[in-house]
Protein backbone atom coordinates (compact mmCIF):
# COMPACT_ATOMS: atom_id res chain seq x y z
CA MET A 1 158.92 -9.37 64.47
CA GLY A 2 161.65 -10.86 62.05
CA LEU A 3 161.07 -10.15 58.33
CA PHE A 4 160.28 -13.65 57.58
CA GLU A 5 157.55 -13.18 60.13
CA GLN A 6 156.00 -9.93 58.85
CA LEU A 7 156.02 -11.04 55.18
CA THR A 8 154.66 -14.51 55.87
CA GLY A 9 151.51 -12.61 58.24
CA GLY A 10 151.30 -9.90 55.25
CA LEU A 11 151.76 -12.19 51.86
CA VAL A 12 148.33 -14.64 53.42
CA LYS A 13 146.13 -13.15 51.08
CA THR A 14 148.86 -13.32 48.32
CA LYS A 15 149.68 -16.74 48.96
CA GLN A 16 146.00 -17.36 48.80
CA ALA A 17 145.67 -15.68 45.60
CA PHE A 18 149.18 -17.26 43.91
CA VAL A 19 150.24 -20.29 45.71
CA ASP A 20 146.92 -21.96 46.32
CA LYS A 21 145.50 -21.22 42.86
CA VAL A 22 148.90 -21.61 40.54
CA THR A 23 150.82 -24.50 42.32
CA GLY A 24 147.42 -26.13 42.46
CA ILE A 25 147.52 -27.04 39.00
CA VAL A 26 151.01 -28.48 39.03
CA THR A 27 150.37 -31.29 41.59
CA GLY A 28 149.44 -34.34 41.59
CA LYS A 29 149.31 -37.01 38.25
CA LYS A 30 147.55 -35.05 35.80
CA PRO A 31 149.12 -35.44 32.52
CA ILE A 32 150.97 -32.28 30.97
CA ASP A 33 149.04 -31.39 27.85
CA GLU A 34 148.38 -28.16 26.30
CA GLU A 35 145.49 -27.54 28.47
CA LEU A 36 147.38 -28.04 31.67
CA PHE A 37 149.35 -25.23 30.32
CA GLU A 38 146.23 -22.87 29.32
CA GLU A 39 145.15 -23.43 32.67
CA LEU A 40 148.48 -22.46 34.13
CA GLU A 41 148.96 -19.57 32.22
CA ALA A 42 145.42 -18.12 33.01
CA ALA A 43 145.76 -18.93 36.67
CA LEU A 44 149.37 -16.94 36.60
CA VAL A 45 147.71 -13.46 35.04
CA GLN A 46 145.17 -13.68 37.52
CA ALA A 47 147.51 -13.82 40.15
CA ASP A 48 148.81 -10.31 38.76
CA ILE A 49 152.24 -11.08 37.87
CA GLY A 50 151.39 -9.34 34.52
CA VAL A 51 150.85 -11.30 31.24
CA GLN A 52 154.19 -11.09 29.71
CA THR A 53 155.49 -12.60 32.55
CA ALA A 54 153.05 -15.37 32.71
CA LEU A 55 153.92 -16.10 28.99
CA ASN A 56 157.15 -16.40 29.54
CA LEU A 57 157.13 -18.32 32.61
CA VAL A 58 154.92 -21.19 30.64
CA ALA A 59 157.03 -20.90 27.89
CA ASN A 60 159.90 -22.08 30.27
CA LEU A 61 158.03 -24.95 31.53
CA ARG A 62 156.95 -25.97 28.54
CA LYS A 63 160.86 -26.10 27.17
CA LYS A 64 161.76 -27.70 30.38
CA ALA A 65 158.89 -30.70 30.41
CA LYS A 66 159.97 -31.36 26.56
CA THR A 67 163.53 -31.42 27.17
CA ASP A 68 163.47 -33.65 30.77
CA GLY A 69 160.93 -35.81 29.52
CA LEU A 70 157.97 -34.85 31.83
CA ARG A 71 154.95 -36.39 31.96
CA GLU A 72 152.86 -35.55 34.99
CA ALA A 73 151.74 -31.97 36.41
CA GLY A 74 153.44 -32.93 39.96
CA GLU A 75 156.67 -32.89 38.06
CA LEU A 76 156.62 -29.23 36.94
CA ARG A 77 155.89 -27.93 40.69
CA GLY A 78 159.81 -27.62 41.12
CA TYR A 79 160.62 -26.20 37.92
CA LEU A 80 157.92 -23.34 38.29
CA GLU A 81 159.38 -22.84 41.84
CA GLU A 82 162.76 -22.77 40.16
CA GLU A 83 161.77 -19.91 37.52
CA ILE A 84 159.87 -18.03 40.27
CA ASN A 85 162.68 -17.70 42.25
CA LYS A 86 165.37 -16.68 39.53
CA ILE A 87 163.29 -13.70 38.79
CA LEU A 88 162.99 -12.55 42.38
CA LYS A 89 166.67 -12.85 42.58
CA GLU A 90 167.13 -11.10 39.55
CA GLY A 91 169.40 -7.56 39.58
CA GLY A 92 171.01 -5.76 42.73
CA HIS A 93 168.73 -4.74 44.96
CA GLU A 94 170.46 -2.66 47.92
CA LEU A 95 170.45 0.57 47.53
CA VAL A 96 174.32 1.73 47.26
CA LEU A 97 175.59 4.82 49.02
CA ASP A 98 178.69 6.43 48.61
CA LYS A 99 179.98 8.44 51.92
CA ASP A 100 182.22 10.51 50.42
CA MET A 101 179.82 12.04 48.33
CA LEU A 102 176.19 13.75 47.70
CA ASN A 103 173.75 10.85 47.22
CA ILE A 104 170.52 11.95 45.80
CA ILE A 105 167.22 9.85 45.63
CA LEU A 106 164.70 11.25 43.43
CA MET A 107 161.24 9.83 44.66
CA VAL A 108 158.47 9.45 41.76
CA GLY A 109 155.21 7.82 41.70
CA VAL A 110 151.56 8.51 41.43
CA ASN A 111 149.78 10.29 44.06
CA GLY A 112 148.46 7.69 46.44
CA ALA A 113 150.98 4.95 46.03
CA GLY A 114 152.41 6.10 49.41
CA LYS A 115 155.16 7.95 48.30
CA THR A 116 155.27 10.39 51.01
CA THR A 117 154.67 8.02 53.82
CA THR A 118 158.14 6.10 52.05
CA ILE A 119 160.28 9.32 52.13
CA GLY A 120 159.68 9.31 55.55
CA LYS A 121 160.34 5.81 56.19
CA LEU A 122 163.51 5.83 53.96
CA SER A 123 164.70 9.28 55.58
CA TYR A 124 164.41 7.50 59.41
CA ARG A 125 166.23 4.27 58.01
CA LEU A 126 169.11 6.06 56.19
CA ARG A 127 169.24 8.96 59.30
CA LYS A 128 169.67 5.82 61.84
CA LYS A 129 172.54 3.99 59.61
CA GLY A 130 174.45 7.33 60.45
CA HIS A 131 173.74 9.63 57.14
CA LYS A 132 173.08 13.32 56.99
CA VAL A 133 169.53 13.51 55.46
CA LEU A 134 167.79 16.37 53.75
CA VAL A 135 164.37 16.72 52.13
CA ALA A 136 163.05 18.30 49.21
CA ALA A 137 159.44 19.06 49.02
CA ALA A 138 159.30 19.41 45.01
CA ASP A 139 155.74 17.98 45.28
CA THR A 140 154.11 21.58 45.09
CA PHE A 141 151.11 21.23 43.67
CA ARG A 142 148.83 18.69 45.42
CA ALA A 143 147.17 20.24 48.35
CA ALA A 144 148.61 19.75 51.67
CA ALA A 145 151.47 17.46 50.05
CA ILE A 146 154.13 19.78 51.69
CA ASP A 147 152.49 19.42 55.22
CA GLN A 148 152.39 16.23 55.13
CA LEU A 149 155.64 15.74 53.96
CA GLN A 150 157.10 17.97 56.76
CA ILE A 151 154.86 16.23 59.45
CA TRP A 152 157.24 12.91 57.81
CA CYS A 153 160.54 14.41 58.33
CA GLU A 154 159.71 15.79 61.52
CA ARG A 155 159.20 11.82 62.79
CA ALA A 156 161.99 11.00 60.95
CA GLY A 157 164.06 13.99 62.77
CA VAL A 158 165.15 15.25 59.24
CA ASP A 159 165.38 18.87 57.87
CA ILE A 160 163.34 19.90 54.88
CA VAL A 161 163.70 22.27 52.06
CA LYS A 162 160.28 23.84 50.83
CA HIS A 163 158.62 26.71 49.18
CA LYS A 164 154.76 27.92 49.18
CA GLU A 165 152.10 25.65 47.32
CA GLY A 166 152.38 26.25 43.68
CA SER A 167 155.89 26.72 43.18
CA ASP A 168 158.28 25.94 40.40
CA PRO A 169 159.08 22.29 41.87
CA ALA A 170 162.65 22.64 39.70
CA ALA A 171 163.23 26.00 41.84
CA VAL A 172 162.78 23.69 45.30
CA VAL A 173 165.35 21.57 43.74
CA PHE A 174 168.06 23.77 43.04
CA ASP A 175 167.41 25.52 46.54
CA ALA A 176 167.87 22.23 48.20
CA ILE A 177 170.75 21.26 45.97
CA GLN A 178 172.91 24.55 47.69
CA ALA A 179 171.35 23.69 51.13
CA ALA A 180 172.97 20.01 50.98
CA LYS A 181 176.45 21.26 50.12
CA ALA A 182 176.62 24.21 52.30
CA ARG A 183 175.54 21.83 55.00
CA LYS A 184 177.49 18.79 54.29
CA VAL A 185 174.21 16.49 53.56
CA GLY A 186 175.00 13.28 52.62
CA VAL A 187 171.46 12.01 51.08
CA LEU A 188 169.26 14.15 49.23
CA ILE A 189 165.88 12.79 49.18
CA ILE A 190 163.59 14.41 46.64
CA ASP A 191 159.48 14.43 46.66
CA THR A 192 158.25 14.95 43.48
CA ALA A 193 154.38 15.19 41.85
CA GLY A 194 152.32 12.03 40.64
CA ARG A 195 149.29 13.57 38.60
CA LEU A 196 149.41 10.68 35.94
CA GLN A 197 146.13 12.38 34.40
CA ASN A 198 148.20 14.75 33.13
CA LYS A 199 151.07 13.03 32.07
CA THR A 200 152.76 15.25 29.83
CA ASN A 201 153.33 17.99 32.23
CA LEU A 202 154.36 15.80 35.05
CA ILE A 203 156.92 13.85 32.70
CA GLU A 204 158.05 17.26 31.58
CA GLU A 205 158.73 18.42 35.14
CA LEU A 206 160.83 15.13 36.30
CA LYS A 207 163.22 15.39 33.10
CA LYS A 208 163.70 19.34 34.14
CA ILE A 209 164.56 17.95 37.83
CA ARG A 210 166.98 15.56 36.12
CA ARG A 211 168.89 18.47 34.08
CA ILE A 212 169.21 20.48 36.86
CA LEU A 213 170.73 17.46 39.02
CA GLU A 214 172.84 16.91 36.45
CA ARG A 215 173.73 20.07 36.09
CA GLU A 216 174.33 21.16 39.92
CA CYS A 217 175.46 17.85 40.77
CA PRO A 218 177.92 16.10 38.00
CA GLY A 219 179.31 12.97 39.06
CA SER A 220 176.91 12.54 41.82
CA ARG A 221 175.10 8.87 43.05
CA GLN A 222 171.52 9.33 41.73
CA GLU A 223 169.15 6.67 42.25
CA ILE A 224 165.57 7.14 40.78
CA LEU A 225 163.01 5.25 43.04
CA LEU A 226 159.44 4.41 41.91
CA THR A 227 156.75 3.88 44.74
CA LEU A 228 154.52 1.28 43.67
CA ASP A 229 151.22 0.55 45.60
CA ALA A 230 151.06 -3.41 45.63
CA THR A 231 146.97 -3.23 45.97
CA THR A 232 147.02 -1.72 42.45
CA GLY A 233 147.92 -5.18 41.02
CA GLN A 234 148.96 -4.58 37.14
CA ASN A 235 148.08 -1.31 37.17
CA ALA A 236 151.34 -1.27 38.85
CA LEU A 237 152.88 -2.62 35.76
CA SER A 238 151.41 0.38 33.43
CA GLN A 239 153.18 2.79 36.28
CA ALA A 240 156.77 1.46 35.88
CA LYS A 241 156.46 1.37 32.01
CA ILE A 242 155.51 4.75 31.89
CA PHE A 243 158.25 6.62 35.02
CA SER A 244 160.94 4.16 33.11
CA GLU A 245 160.26 5.67 29.78
CA ALA A 246 160.32 8.92 31.24
CA VAL A 247 162.89 9.13 34.11
CA GLY A 248 164.85 6.12 33.90
CA VAL A 249 164.08 4.36 36.75
CA ASN A 250 166.52 2.59 39.15
CA GLY A 251 164.81 0.54 41.56
CA VAL A 252 161.18 0.37 43.56
CA VAL A 253 159.88 0.44 46.47
CA LEU A 254 156.63 -1.74 46.80
CA THR A 255 154.26 -0.05 49.33
CA LYS A 256 151.27 -1.78 50.98
CA LEU A 257 152.36 -5.32 50.50
CA ASP A 258 150.91 -6.22 54.20
CA GLY A 259 147.03 -7.33 53.30
CA THR A 260 147.14 -6.92 49.58
CA ALA A 261 146.62 -10.02 47.61
CA LYS A 262 148.30 -8.91 44.61
CA GLY A 263 152.02 -9.17 45.89
CA GLY A 264 152.54 -11.39 43.08
CA VAL A 265 153.09 -7.87 41.06
CA ILE A 266 156.98 -7.92 42.21
CA LEU A 267 157.62 -10.60 39.32
CA GLY A 268 156.19 -8.65 36.49
CA ILE A 269 157.98 -5.58 38.00
CA GLN A 270 161.90 -7.64 38.01
CA ASP A 271 160.84 -9.83 35.15
CA GLU A 272 159.15 -7.50 31.89
CA TYR A 273 160.99 -3.88 33.32
CA LYS A 274 164.23 -5.40 34.96
CA LEU A 275 163.36 -3.45 37.95
CA PRO A 276 164.94 -4.20 41.00
CA VAL A 277 162.58 -4.09 44.11
CA LYS A 278 164.29 -2.59 46.88
CA PHE A 279 162.36 -2.19 49.59
CA ILE A 280 159.09 -3.01 50.64
CA GLY A 281 156.69 -1.30 53.12
CA THR A 282 155.31 -3.64 55.66
CA GLY A 283 153.29 -2.04 58.07
CA GLU A 284 152.37 1.74 58.75
CA LYS A 285 154.99 2.27 61.51
CA ILE A 286 158.20 4.62 60.50
CA GLU A 287 160.07 1.75 61.28
CA ASN A 288 158.08 -0.40 58.51
CA LEU A 289 160.08 -0.28 55.54
CA GLU A 290 162.35 -3.50 54.59
CA GLU A 291 164.98 -3.89 52.48
CA PHE A 292 164.29 -6.23 49.95
CA ASP A 293 165.54 -9.66 50.42
CA ALA A 294 164.79 -11.92 47.73
CA GLU A 295 165.35 -15.51 49.57
CA ILE A 296 163.02 -14.36 52.53
CA PHE A 297 160.56 -13.09 50.07
CA SER A 298 160.45 -16.43 48.38
CA ARG A 299 160.47 -18.68 51.76
CA ALA A 300 157.65 -16.53 52.57
CA LEU A 301 155.37 -16.43 49.47
CA LEU A 302 156.10 -20.18 48.34
CA GLY A 303 157.03 -21.96 51.56
């Protein structure tokens, strides 16, 4: 099954929540007036794309309607789809790796977002592409986090560097860097804690890890990927804000996209926070991690 078919099936609920409600407003011969724009704005917010993104989209449509002399609701549909496509295609989505140096991928995100699973899937994907991958188990505080990560590493066929539960995450990262250098590893993926309820400590831990990476691997290619659970809708947007401000996120992995009605959140992530979605989770198997393709996603969402 191709990505388009997977997404078309997985986005059924999102399409019902997004396309059916939103595009239903911009059809027919209803007059274009302020009441129509307010109705559209409310529908966009309910589709979990985020308040600011909804306001931006409607503001752009107001301008188009005025400059192009549009009179009927149906005339707005093409413009709305064009604006949505523009958001989806913003930013560079591809994960770029340099074969001549150590590439470091720091995985961040709250507990329960699917970070451990994503690390396993990403490790498997990169190994299949010929990269030598090492994983650092730096989420040392969550019960069973290290054991769960080890299981996924075994499935993916990659090595793991770990310490005992409760160890200093920064020490794990330091040892993993030395191991990566000694073993001539091409990609080091680092798992991190995700305890947002203790936000200050979490952010300080992440900053400490960043300092070690800068000190021990100056000039290395670093990606900071935020794992977001699509089923949380607009909560995912607040997580994007917190982690972006704390550690400077490069991109997003959007998990659990299949089976949620809240896939519209991808628009807010890219429009409001300018974070490119680089991968999407399309199922539970180790192969179910796909590079985000804006054109395919757009076709699957809008039809």
